[in-house]
Amino acid sequence: MQIYHLKKEREKIESSNARLRAENQKLPAQIERMKHSKDEVEKVARGELGLVKGRAAQRQPGLLPAFLQKLLAHGRGDALCAVR
């Protein structure tokens, strides 16, 4: 019985790893788009943070700082005004 549960857990982990690998492969292109386009920064902010134009963001603990760190790490401090 324990072997069955371990196999199921391994399958979940392998599936999660595959999903994360696919997501990681897309990130370099997204970073490049964000470096050159404030619109892309705004799009990501809306998708990842749930920001809505013209409304105050309801901050989820830890999420906004992580996103801002991404922007700053890639030299996009100028784009912060796009996500106000």
PDB file of N, CA and C in Angstrom:
ATOM      1  N   MET A   1       0.822  -1.189   0.000  1.00  0.00           N
ATOM      2  CA  MET A   1       0.000   0.000   0.000  1.00  0.00           C
ATOM      3  C   MET A   1       0.872   1.262   0.000  1.00  0.00           C
ATOM      4  N   GLN A   2       1.939   1.255   0.773  1.00  0.00           N
ATOM      5  CA  GLN A   2       2.818   2.407   0.829  1.00  0.00           C
ATOM      6  C   GLN A   2       3.483   2.654  -0.524  1.00  0.00           C
ATOM      7  N   ILE A   3       3.834   1.595  -1.222  1.00  0.00           N
ATOM      8  CA  ILE A   3       4.455   1.736  -2.538  1.00  0.00           C
ATOM      9  C   ILE A   3       3.488   2.423  -3.499  1.00  0.00           C
ATOM     10  N   TYR A   4       2.217   2.071  -3.436  1.00  0.00           N
ATOM     11  CA  TYR A   4       1.204   2.685  -4.279  1.00  0.00           C
ATOM     12  C   TYR A   4       1.153   4.197  -4.042  1.00  0.00           C
ATOM     13  N   HIS A   5       1.115   4.605  -2.783  1.00  0.00           N
ATOM     14  CA  HIS A   5       1.061   6.021  -2.445  1.00  0.00           C
ATOM     15  C   HIS A   5       2.327   6.753  -2.883  1.00  0.00           C
ATOM     16  N   LEU A   6       3.463   6.108  -2.727  1.00  0.00           N
ATOM     17  CA  LEU A   6       4.713   6.715  -3.162  1.00  0.00           C
ATOM     18  C   LEU A   6       4.741   6.900  -4.681  1.00  0.00           C
ATOM     19  N   LYS A   7       4.228   5.933  -5.423  1.00  0.00           N
ATOM     20  CA  LYS A   7       4.165   6.052  -6.881  1.00  0.00           C
ATOM     21  C   LYS A   7       3.242   7.189  -7.293  1.00  0.00           C
ATOM     22  N   LYS A   8       2.112   7.309  -6.622  1.00  0.00           N
ATOM     23  CA  LYS A   8       1.169   8.389  -6.929  1.00  0.00           C
ATOM     24  C   LYS A   8       1.810   9.750  -6.633  1.00  0.00           C
ATOM     25  N   GLU A   9       2.504   9.832  -5.527  1.00  0.00           N
ATOM     26  CA  GLU A   9       3.180  11.069  -5.160  1.00  0.00           C
ATOM     27  C   GLU A   9       4.259  11.408  -6.186  1.00  0.00           C
ATOM     28  N   ARG A  10       4.993  10.426  -6.637  1.00  0.00           N
ATOM     29  CA  ARG A  10       6.023  10.634  -7.659  1.00  0.00           C
ATOM     30  C   ARG A  10       5.392  11.136  -8.954  1.00  0.00           C
ATOM     31  N   GLU A  11       4.243  10.568  -9.341  1.00  0.00           N
ATOM     32  CA  GLU A  11       3.552  11.009 -10.549  1.00  0.00           C
ATOM     33  C   GLU A  11       3.138  12.477 -10.437  1.00  0.00           C
ATOM     34  N   LYS A  12       2.645  12.869  -9.266  1.00  0.00           N
ATOM     35  CA  LYS A  12       2.256  14.268  -9.053  1.00  0.00           C
ATOM     36  C   LYS A  12       3.467  15.182  -9.180  1.00  0.00           C
ATOM     37  N   ILE A  13       4.572  14.772  -8.592  1.00  0.00           N
ATOM     38  CA  ILE A  13       5.795  15.582  -8.629  1.00  0.00           C
ATOM     39  C   ILE A  13       6.322  15.683 -10.052  1.00  0.00           C
ATOM     40  N   GLU A  14       6.321  14.568 -10.779  1.00  0.00           N
ATOM     41  CA  GLU A  14       6.795  14.591 -12.163  1.00  0.00           C
ATOM     42  C   GLU A  14       5.917  15.486 -13.029  1.00  0.00           C
ATOM     43  N   SER A  15       4.623  15.437 -12.805  1.00  0.00           N
ATOM     44  CA  SER A  15       3.698  16.294 -13.552  1.00  0.00           C
ATOM     45  C   SER A  15       3.951  17.761 -13.237  1.00  0.00           C
ATOM     46  N   SER A  16       4.130  18.057 -11.973  1.00  0.00           N
ATOM     47  CA  SER A  16       4.416  19.425 -11.554  1.00  0.00           C
ATOM     48  C   SER A  16       5.737  19.902 -12.146  1.00  0.00           C
ATOM     49  N   ASN A  17       6.737  19.050 -12.135  1.00  0.00           N
ATOM     50  CA  ASN A  17       8.044  19.403 -12.703  1.00  0.00           C
ATOM     51  C   ASN A  17       7.933  19.705 -14.194  1.00  0.00           C
ATOM     52  N   ALA A  18       7.161  18.912 -14.914  1.00  0.00           N
ATOM     53  CA  ALA A  18       6.988  19.128 -16.352  1.00  0.00           C
ATOM     54  C   ALA A  18       6.304  20.472 -16.607  1.00  0.00           C
ATOM     55  N   ARG A  19       5.294  20.784 -15.797  1.00  0.00           N
ATOM     56  CA  ARG A  19       4.584  22.048 -15.946  1.00  0.00           C
ATOM     57  C   ARG A  19       5.529  23.217 -15.670  1.00  0.00           C
ATOM     58  N   LEU A  20       6.338  23.088 -14.618  1.00  0.00           N
ATOM     59  CA  LEU A  20       7.278  24.154 -14.268  1.00  0.00           C
ATOM     60  C   LEU A  20       8.380  24.317 -15.311  1.00  0.00           C
ATOM     61  N   ARG A  21       8.846  23.212 -15.885  1.00  0.00           N
ATOM     62  CA  ARG A  21       9.859  23.294 -16.949  1.00  0.00           C
ATOM     63  C   ARG A  21       9.314  24.061 -18.146  1.00  0.00           C
ATOM     64  N   ALA A  22       8.065  23.755 -18.520  1.00  0.00           N
ATOM     65  CA  ALA A  22       7.441  24.449 -19.648  1.00  0.00           C
ATOM     66  C   ALA A  22       7.288  25.941 -19.350  1.00  0.00           C
ATOM     67  N   GLU A  23       6.886  26.255 -18.137  1.00  0.00           N
ATOM     68  CA  GLU A  23       6.740  27.652 -17.732  1.00  0.00           C
ATOM     69  C   GLU A  23       8.094  28.364 -17.741  1.00  0.00           C
ATOM     70  N   ASN A  24       9.125  27.698 -17.244  1.00  0.00           N
ATOM     71  CA  ASN A  24      10.475  28.276 -17.216  1.00  0.00           C
ATOM     72  C   ASN A  24      11.011  28.560 -18.612  1.00  0.00           C
ATOM     73  N   GLN A  25      10.660  27.720 -19.575  1.00  0.00           N
ATOM     74  CA  GLN A  25      11.125  27.924 -20.946  1.00  0.00           C
ATOM     75  C   GLN A  25      10.530  29.187 -21.559  1.00  0.00           C
ATOM     76  N   LYS A  26       9.363  29.588 -21.079  1.00  0.00           N
ATOM     77  CA  LYS A  26       8.703  30.784 -21.611  1.00  0.00           C
ATOM     78  C   LYS A  26       9.228  32.072 -20.978  1.00  0.00           C
ATOM     79  N   LEU A  27       9.840  31.977 -19.822  1.00  0.00           N
ATOM     80  CA  LEU A  27      10.245  33.170 -19.076  1.00  0.00           C
ATOM     81  C   LEU A  27      11.275  34.059 -19.783  1.00  0.00           C
ATOM     82  N   PRO A  28      12.314  33.541 -20.427  1.00  0.00           N
ATOM     83  CA  PRO A  28      13.274  34.447 -21.075  1.00  0.00           C
ATOM     84  C   PRO A  28      12.617  35.364 -22.108  1.00  0.00           C
ATOM     85  N   ALA A  29      11.689  34.847 -22.877  1.00  0.00           N
ATOM     86  CA  ALA A  29      11.001  35.679 -23.871  1.00  0.00           C
ATOM     87  C   ALA A  29      10.144  36.737 -23.181  1.00  0.00           C
ATOM     88  N   GLN A  30       9.486  36.350 -22.099  1.00  0.00           N
ATOM     89  CA  GLN A  30       8.666  37.307 -21.364  1.00  0.00           C
ATOM     90  C   GLN A  30       9.534  38.412 -20.759  1.00  0.00           C
ATOM     91  N   ILE A  31      10.674  38.037 -20.232  1.00  0.00           N
ATOM     92  CA  ILE A  31      11.599  39.022 -19.654  1.00  0.00           C
ATOM     93  C   ILE A  31      12.038  40.018 -20.720  1.00  0.00           C
ATOM     94  N   GLU A  32      12.378  39.528 -21.895  1.00  0.00           N
ATOM     95  CA  GLU A  32      12.793  40.421 -22.979  1.00  0.00           C
ATOM     96  C   GLU A  32      11.672  41.377 -23.361  1.00  0.00           C
ATOM     97  N   ARG A  33      10.442  40.862 -23.449  1.00  0.00           N
ATOM     98  CA  ARG A  33       9.309  41.734 -23.774  1.00  0.00           C
ATOM     99  C   ARG A  33       9.124  42.790 -22.690  1.00  0.00           C
ATOM    100  N   MET A  34       9.297  42.391 -21.423  1.00  0.00           N
ATOM    101  CA  MET A  34       9.122  43.330 -20.321  1.00  0.00           C
ATOM    102  C   MET A  34      10.219  44.396 -20.311  1.00  0.00           C
ATOM    103  N   LYS A  35      11.417  44.039 -20.735  1.00  0.00           N
ATOM    104  CA  LYS A  35      12.519  45.000 -20.771  1.00  0.00           C
ATOM    105  C   LYS A  35      12.237  46.135 -21.745  1.00  0.00           C
ATOM    106  N   HIS A  36      11.462  45.837 -22.781  1.00  0.00           N
ATOM    107  CA  HIS A  36      11.275  46.801 -23.854  1.00  0.00           C
ATOM    108  C   HIS A  36       9.863  47.364 -23.965  1.00  0.00           C
ATOM    109  N   SER A  37       8.949  46.919 -23.113  1.00  0.00           N
ATOM    110  CA  SER A  37       7.565  47.360 -23.280  1.00  0.00           C
ATOM    111  C   SER A  37       6.856  47.544 -21.942  1.00  0.00           C
ATOM    112  N   LYS A  38       6.472  48.777 -21.664  1.00  0.00           N
ATOM    113  CA  LYS A  38       5.688  49.035 -20.460  1.00  0.00           C
ATOM    114  C   LYS A  38       4.327  48.351 -20.552  1.00  0.00           C
ATOM    115  N   ASP A  39       3.815  48.210 -21.766  1.00  0.00           N
ATOM    116  CA  ASP A  39       2.535  47.509 -21.943  1.00  0.00           C
ATOM    117  C   ASP A  39       2.642  46.058 -21.486  1.00  0.00           C
ATOM    118  N   GLU A  40       3.774  45.436 -21.769  1.00  0.00           N
ATOM    119  CA  GLU A  40       3.971  44.045 -21.332  1.00  0.00           C
ATOM    120  C   GLU A  40       4.056  43.962 -19.817  1.00  0.00           C
ATOM    121  N   VAL A  41       4.723  44.931 -19.202  1.00  0.00           N
ATOM    122  CA  VAL A  41       4.813  44.961 -17.740  1.00  0.00           C
ATOM    123  C   VAL A  41       3.411  45.076 -17.155  1.00  0.00           C
ATOM    124  N   GLU A  42       2.617  45.961 -17.733  1.00  0.00           N
ATOM    125  CA  GLU A  42       1.249  46.152 -17.255  1.00  0.00           C
ATOM    126  C   GLU A  42       0.426  44.875 -17.451  1.00  0.00           C
ATOM    127  N   LYS A  43       0.601  44.222 -18.589  1.00  0.00           N
ATOM    128  CA  LYS A  43      -0.120  42.969 -18.871  1.00  0.00           C
ATOM    129  C   LYS A  43       0.222  41.911 -17.829  1.00  0.00           C
ATOM    130  N   VAL A  44       1.500  41.768 -17.522  1.00  0.00           N
ATOM    131  CA  VAL A  44       1.926  40.781 -16.526  1.00  0.00           C
ATOM    132  C   VAL A  44       1.386  41.153 -15.150  1.00  0.00           C
ATOM    133  N   ALA A  45       1.430  42.441 -14.833  1.00  0.00           N
ATOM    134  CA  ALA A  45       0.910  42.884 -13.541  1.00  0.00           C
ATOM    135  C   ALA A  45      -0.569  42.543 -13.406  1.00  0.00           C
ATOM    136  N   ARG A  46      -1.308  42.750 -14.465  1.00  0.00           N
ATOM    137  CA  ARG A  46      -2.740  42.428 -14.422  1.00  0.00           C
ATOM    138  C   ARG A  46      -2.963  40.928 -14.288  1.00  0.00           C
ATOM    139  N   GLY A  47      -2.195  40.148 -15.033  1.00  0.00           N
ATOM    140  CA  GLY A  47      -2.376  38.698 -15.002  1.00  0.00           C
ATOM    141  C   GLY A  47      -1.920  38.053 -13.711  1.00  0.00           C
ATOM    142  N   GLU A  48      -0.745  38.468 -13.221  1.00  0.00           N
ATOM    143  CA  GLU A  48      -0.183  37.825 -12.033  1.00  0.00           C
ATOM    144  C   GLU A  48      -0.690  38.426 -10.734  1.00  0.00           C
ATOM    145  N   LEU A  49      -1.006  39.720 -10.762  1.00  0.00           N
ATOM    146  CA  LEU A  49      -1.383  40.392  -9.521  1.00  0.00           C
ATOM    147  C   LEU A  49      -2.859  40.753  -9.468  1.00  0.00           C
ATOM    148  N   GLY A  50      -3.569  40.567 -10.568  1.00  0.00           N
ATOM    149  CA  GLY A  50      -4.983  40.895 -10.589  1.00  0.00           C
ATOM    150  C   GLY A  50      -5.248  42.387 -10.555  1.00  0.00           C
ATOM    151  N   LEU A  51      -4.295  43.182 -11.050  1.00  0.00           N
ATOM    152  CA  LEU A  51      -4.488  44.623 -11.057  1.00  0.00           C
ATOM    153  C   LEU A  51      -5.500  45.003 -12.135  1.00  0.00           C
ATOM    154  N   VAL A  52      -6.324  45.974 -11.819  1.00  0.00           N
ATOM    155  CA  VAL A  52      -7.334  46.450 -12.748  1.00  0.00           C
ATOM    156  C   VAL A  52      -7.100  47.930 -12.971  1.00  0.00           C
ATOM    157  N   LYS A  53      -7.079  48.349 -14.215  1.00  0.00           N
ATOM    158  CA  LYS A  53      -6.814  49.747 -14.543  1.00  0.00           C
ATOM    159  C   LYS A  53      -7.862  50.645 -13.881  1.00  0.00           C
ATOM    160  N   GLY A  54      -7.385  51.680 -13.225  1.00  0.00           N
ATOM    161  CA  GLY A  54      -8.279  52.629 -12.598  1.00  0.00           C
ATOM    162  C   GLY A  54      -8.776  52.227 -11.218  1.00  0.00           C
ATOM    163  N   ARG A  55      -8.339  51.096 -10.709  1.00  0.00           N
ATOM    164  CA  ARG A  55      -8.738  50.644  -9.371  1.00  0.00           C
ATOM    165  C   ARG A  55      -7.493  50.389  -8.540  1.00  0.00           C
ATOM    166  N   ALA A  56      -7.644  50.535  -7.255  1.00  0.00           N
ATOM    167  CA  ALA A  56      -6.527  50.231  -6.351  1.00  0.00           C
ATOM    168  C   ALA A  56      -6.323  48.725  -6.310  1.00  0.00           C
ATOM    169  N   ALA A  57      -5.090  48.314  -6.255  1.00  0.00           N
ATOM    170  CA  ALA A  57      -4.780  46.883  -6.177  1.00  0.00           C
ATOM    171  C   ALA A  57      -5.053  46.380  -4.772  1.00  0.00           C
ATOM    172  N   GLN A  58      -5.684  45.237  -4.693  1.00  0.00           N
ATOM    173  CA  GLN A  58      -5.828  44.585  -3.402  1.00  0.00           C
ATOM    174  C   GLN A  58      -4.614  43.697  -3.255  1.00  0.00           C
ATOM    175  N   ARG A  59      -3.743  44.073  -2.382  1.00  0.00           N
ATOM    176  CA  ARG A  59      -2.447  43.411  -2.265  1.00  0.00           C
ATOM    177  C   ARG A  59      -2.577  42.049  -1.607  1.00  0.00           C
ATOM    178  N   GLN A  60      -1.964  41.080  -2.224  1.00  0.00           N
ATOM    179  CA  GLN A  60      -1.856  39.756  -1.647  1.00  0.00           C
ATOM    180  C   GLN A  60      -0.481  39.686  -1.011  1.00  0.00           C
ATOM    181  N   PRO A  61      -0.399  39.276   0.255  1.00  0.00           N
ATOM    182  CA  PRO A  61       0.885  39.282   0.969  1.00  0.00           C
ATOM    183  C   PRO A  61       1.991  38.575   0.179  1.00  0.00           C
ATOM    184  N   GLY A  62       3.090  39.291  -0.020  1.00  0.00           N
ATOM    185  CA  GLY A  62       4.266  38.705  -0.648  1.00  0.00           C
ATOM    186  C   GLY A  62       4.252  38.721  -2.159  1.00  0.00           C
ATOM    187  N   LEU A  63       3.086  38.846  -2.784  1.00  0.00           N
ATOM    188  CA  LEU A  63       3.014  38.760  -4.234  1.00  0.00           C
ATOM    189  C   LEU A  63       3.537  40.022  -4.906  1.00  0.00           C
ATOM    190  N   LEU A  64       3.087  41.176  -4.466  1.00  0.00           N
ATOM    191  CA  LEU A  64       3.529  42.422  -5.067  1.00  0.00           C
ATOM    192  C   LEU A  64       5.031  42.619  -4.895  1.00  0.00           C
ATOM    193  N   PRO A  65       5.583  42.426  -3.702  1.00  0.00           N
ATOM    194  CA  PRO A  65       7.036  42.592  -3.580  1.00  0.00           C
ATOM    195  C   PRO A  65       7.823  41.662  -4.506  1.00  0.00           C
ATOM    196  N   ALA A  66       7.359  40.445  -4.695  1.00  0.00           N
ATOM    197  CA  ALA A  66       8.063  39.507  -5.576  1.00  0.00           C
ATOM    198  C   ALA A  66       8.041  40.019  -7.010  1.00  0.00           C
ATOM    199  N   PHE A  67       6.899  40.549  -7.435  1.00  0.00           N
ATOM    200  CA  PHE A  67       6.785  41.071  -8.787  1.00  0.00           C
ATOM    201  C   PHE A  67       7.689  42.293  -8.963  1.00  0.00           C
ATOM    202  N   LEU A  68       7.689  43.171  -7.971  1.00  0.00           N
ATOM    203  CA  LEU A  68       8.534  44.360  -8.047  1.00  0.00           C
ATOM    204  C   LEU A  68      10.008  43.978  -8.077  1.00  0.00           C
ATOM    205  N   GLN A  69      10.384  42.955  -7.339  1.00  0.00           N
ATOM    206  CA  GLN A  69      11.770  42.488  -7.363  1.00  0.00           C
ATOM    207  C   GLN A  69      12.138  41.998  -8.756  1.00  0.00           C
ATOM    208  N   LYS A  70      11.188  41.319  -9.434  1.00  0.00           N
ATOM    209  CA  LYS A  70      11.433  40.868 -10.803  1.00  0.00           C
ATOM    210  C   LYS A  70      11.707  42.065 -11.710  1.00  0.00           C
ATOM    211  N   LEU A  71      10.858  43.087 -11.583  1.00  0.00           N
ATOM    212  CA  LEU A  71      11.041  44.275 -12.422  1.00  0.00           C
ATOM    213  C   LEU A  71      12.393  44.916 -12.177  1.00  0.00           C
ATOM    214  N   LEU A  72      12.719  45.128 -10.926  1.00  0.00           N
ATOM    215  CA  LEU A  72      13.971  45.793 -10.588  1.00  0.00           C
ATOM    216  C   LEU A  72      15.174  44.957 -10.998  1.00  0.00           C
ATOM    217  N   ALA A  73      15.076  43.656 -10.863  1.00  0.00           N
ATOM    218  CA  ALA A  73      16.188  42.774 -11.228  1.00  0.00           C
ATOM    219  C   ALA A  73      16.482  42.837 -12.725  1.00  0.00           C
ATOM    220  N   HIS A  74      15.477  43.197 -13.507  1.00  0.00           N
ATOM    221  CA  HIS A  74      15.653  43.243 -14.958  1.00  0.00           C
ATOM    222  C   HIS A  74      15.693  44.672 -15.480  1.00  0.00           C
ATOM    223  N   GLY A  75      16.042  45.598 -14.580  1.00  0.00           N
ATOM    224  CA  GLY A  75      16.233  46.971 -14.993  1.00  0.00           C
ATOM    225  C   GLY A  75      14.969  47.683 -15.427  1.00  0.00           C
ATOM    226  N   ARG A  76      13.826  47.304 -14.873  1.00  0.00           N
ATOM    227  CA  ARG A  76      12.570  47.912 -15.292  1.00  0.00           C
ATOM    228  C   ARG A  76      11.952  48.765 -14.197  1.00  0.00           C
ATOM    229  N   GLY A  77      12.759  49.436 -13.397  1.00  0.00           N
ATOM    230  CA  GLY A  77      12.235  50.333 -12.381  1.00  0.00           C
ATOM    231  C   GLY A  77      11.380  51.430 -12.984  1.00  0.00           C
ATOM    232  N   ASP A  78      11.699  51.823 -14.244  1.00  0.00           N
ATOM    233  CA  ASP A  78      10.913  52.862 -14.918  1.00  0.00           C
ATOM    234  C   ASP A  78       9.493  52.406 -15.207  1.00  0.00           C
ATOM    235  N   ALA A  79       9.256  51.102 -15.211  1.00  0.00           N
ATOM    236  CA  ALA A  79       7.934  50.575 -15.550  1.00  0.00           C
ATOM    237  C   ALA A  79       7.001  50.540 -14.335  1.00  0.00           C
ATOM    238  N   LEU A  80       7.510  50.860 -13.178  1.00  0.00           N
ATOM    239  CA  LEU A  80       6.672  50.782 -11.996  1.00  0.00           C
ATOM    240  C   LEU A  80       5.466  51.708 -12.072  1.00  0.00           C
ATOM    241  N   CYS A  81       5.609  52.806 -12.770  1.00  0.00           N
ATOM    242  CA  CYS A  81       4.469  53.722 -12.886  1.00  0.00           C
ATOM    243  C   CYS A  81       3.329  53.070 -13.664  1.00  0.00           C
ATOM    244  N   ALA A  82       3.599  52.083 -14.481  1.00  0.00           N
ATOM    245  CA  ALA A  82       2.567  51.421 -15.277  1.00  0.00           C
ATOM    246  C   ALA A  82       1.664  50.537 -14.426  1.00  0.00           C
ATOM    247  N   VAL A  83       2.114  50.159 -13.241  1.00  0.00           N
ATOM    248  CA  VAL A  83       1.316  49.241 -12.426  1.00  0.00           C
ATOM    249  C   VAL A  83       0.723  49.912 -11.202  1.00  0.00           C
ATOM    250  N   ARG A  84       0.715  51.245 -11.161  1.00  0.00           N
ATOM    251  CA  ARG A  84       0.126  51.945 -10.025  1.00  0.00           C
ATOM    252  C   ARG A  84      -1.330  51.676  -9.897  1.00  0.00           C
TER     253      ARG A  84
END
